[in-house]
Amino acid sequence: MGKYVKKTLNEKVQLIEESKLLGILETARKHSVHYQTLKNWVDAFGLYGKDGLERKVVKADPELKRLYLENEQLKLILAEKELELRIKNDMLKKTSYQTATRK
């Protein structure tokens, strides 16, 4: 990677929003930002909003951090369940279609 260029607050927020769509790793690669740096921005923004990105918050509240991490885990579980449900529904549609066409 080349010389480090400091990102503005708005640029950081844009990268965070993009990482929600593309993922942190893909966004970091696309914009030549270190993965852990972007991950830290995502976490700080999740905990404290823009204040977290401006380093106005000195120390993380342990309970707030625990809740944030728990929320992230629940989002992953929900996404997995939604994917499982979508796959099951697709399989049922195919099975129903095949049964109907055989009659």
Protein backbone atom coordinates (compact mmCIF):
# COMPACT_ATOMS: atom_id res chain seq x y z
CA MET A 1 0.00 0.00 0.00
CA GLY A 2 1.04 3.56 -0.60
CA LYS A 3 1.39 6.49 1.74
CA TYR A 4 -1.33 6.78 4.38
CA VAL A 5 -3.86 9.53 3.68
CA LYS A 6 -5.95 10.64 6.64
CA LYS A 7 -9.68 10.23 6.05
CA THR A 8 -12.20 12.91 6.95
CA LEU A 9 -15.17 12.12 9.16
CA ASN A 10 -17.50 12.06 6.13
CA GLU A 11 -15.15 9.72 4.23
CA LYS A 12 -15.07 7.34 7.20
CA VAL A 13 -18.87 7.32 7.42
CA GLN A 14 -19.11 6.64 3.66
CA LEU A 15 -16.70 3.71 4.00
CA ILE A 16 -18.68 2.34 6.94
CA GLU A 17 -21.92 2.55 4.98
CA GLU A 18 -20.30 0.89 1.97
CA SER A 19 -18.91 -1.87 4.19
CA LYS A 20 -22.49 -2.71 5.21
CA LEU A 21 -23.19 -3.55 1.57
CA LEU A 22 -19.88 -5.03 0.40
CA GLY A 23 -18.41 -6.24 3.67
CA ILE A 24 -15.47 -4.83 5.59
CA LEU A 25 -12.76 -6.80 3.79
CA GLU A 26 -13.96 -5.95 0.27
CA THR A 27 -14.43 -2.26 1.14
CA ALA A 28 -11.00 -2.08 2.76
CA ARG A 29 -9.37 -3.59 -0.32
CA LYS A 30 -11.31 -1.37 -2.70
CA HIS A 31 -10.22 1.82 -0.92
CA SER A 32 -6.72 0.68 0.17
CA VAL A 33 -7.57 0.93 3.86
CA HIS A 34 -6.21 -1.59 6.33
CA TYR A 35 -8.89 -4.11 7.33
CA GLN A 36 -8.42 -3.58 11.08
CA THR A 37 -8.61 0.19 10.69
CA LEU A 38 -11.96 -0.06 8.93
CA LYS A 39 -13.16 -2.64 11.46
CA ASN A 40 -12.24 -0.26 14.29
CA TRP A 41 -14.17 2.54 12.58
CA VAL A 42 -17.22 0.30 12.15
CA ASP A 43 -17.10 -0.73 15.82
CA ALA A 44 -16.56 2.83 17.08
CA PHE A 45 -19.36 4.14 14.88
CA GLY A 46 -21.65 1.36 16.08
CA LEU A 47 -20.95 2.18 19.71
CA TYR A 48 -20.81 5.97 19.67
CA GLY A 49 -21.83 7.24 16.24
CA LYS A 50 -19.76 10.04 14.75
CA ASP A 51 -18.29 10.89 18.16
CA GLY A 52 -16.58 7.51 18.16
CA LEU A 53 -14.90 8.33 14.86
CA GLU A 54 -13.69 11.71 16.09
CA ARG A 55 -12.05 10.10 19.13
CA LYS A 56 -14.13 12.24 21.45
CA VAL A 57 -14.97 9.15 23.46
CA VAL A 58 -11.99 8.12 25.54
CA LYS A 59 -13.08 4.90 27.22
CA ALA A 60 -15.74 2.44 26.12
CA ASP A 61 -18.48 1.59 28.57
CA PRO A 62 -18.11 -2.20 29.03
CA GLU A 63 -21.87 -2.76 29.16
CA LEU A 64 -22.44 -0.74 25.99
CA LYS A 65 -19.68 -2.64 24.22
CA ARG A 66 -21.12 -6.00 25.37
CA LEU A 67 -24.56 -5.01 24.09
CA TYR A 68 -23.11 -3.86 20.77
CA LEU A 69 -21.27 -7.16 20.29
CA GLU A 70 -24.36 -9.13 21.30
CA ASN A 71 -26.41 -7.14 18.79
CA GLU A 72 -23.89 -7.91 16.04
CA GLN A 73 -24.07 -11.63 16.87
CA LEU A 74 -27.87 -11.54 16.81
CA LYS A 75 -27.81 -9.86 13.41
CA LEU A 76 -25.62 -12.67 12.07
CA ILE A 77 -27.92 -15.32 13.52
CA LEU A 78 -30.95 -13.59 12.01
CA ALA A 79 -29.28 -13.37 8.60
CA GLU A 80 -28.44 -17.10 8.73
CA LYS A 81 -32.04 -17.97 9.67
CA GLU A 82 -33.40 -15.80 6.86
CA LEU A 83 -31.09 -17.55 4.39
CA GLU A 84 -32.16 -20.98 5.65
CA LEU A 85 -35.81 -20.00 5.32
CA ARG A 86 -35.30 -18.68 1.80
CA ILE A 87 -33.57 -21.92 0.77
CA LYS A 88 -36.35 -24.04 2.30
CA ASN A 89 -39.02 -21.97 0.56
CA ASP A 90 -37.23 -22.31 -2.78
CA MET A 91 -36.97 -26.08 -2.30
CA LEU A 92 -40.66 -26.31 -1.42
CA LYS A 93 -41.59 -24.34 -4.53
CA LYS A 94 -39.50 -26.65 -6.71
CA THR A 95 -40.96 -29.74 -5.05
CA SER A 96 -44.51 -28.42 -5.40
CA TYR A 97 -43.92 -27.55 -9.06
CA GLN A 98 -42.42 -30.98 -9.82
CA THR A 99 -45.33 -32.75 -8.06
CA ALA A 100 -47.90 -30.66 -9.92
CA THR A 101 -46.33 -31.28 -13.34
CA ARG A 102 -46.22 -35.06 -12.79
CA LYS A 103 -49.97 -35.33 -12.30
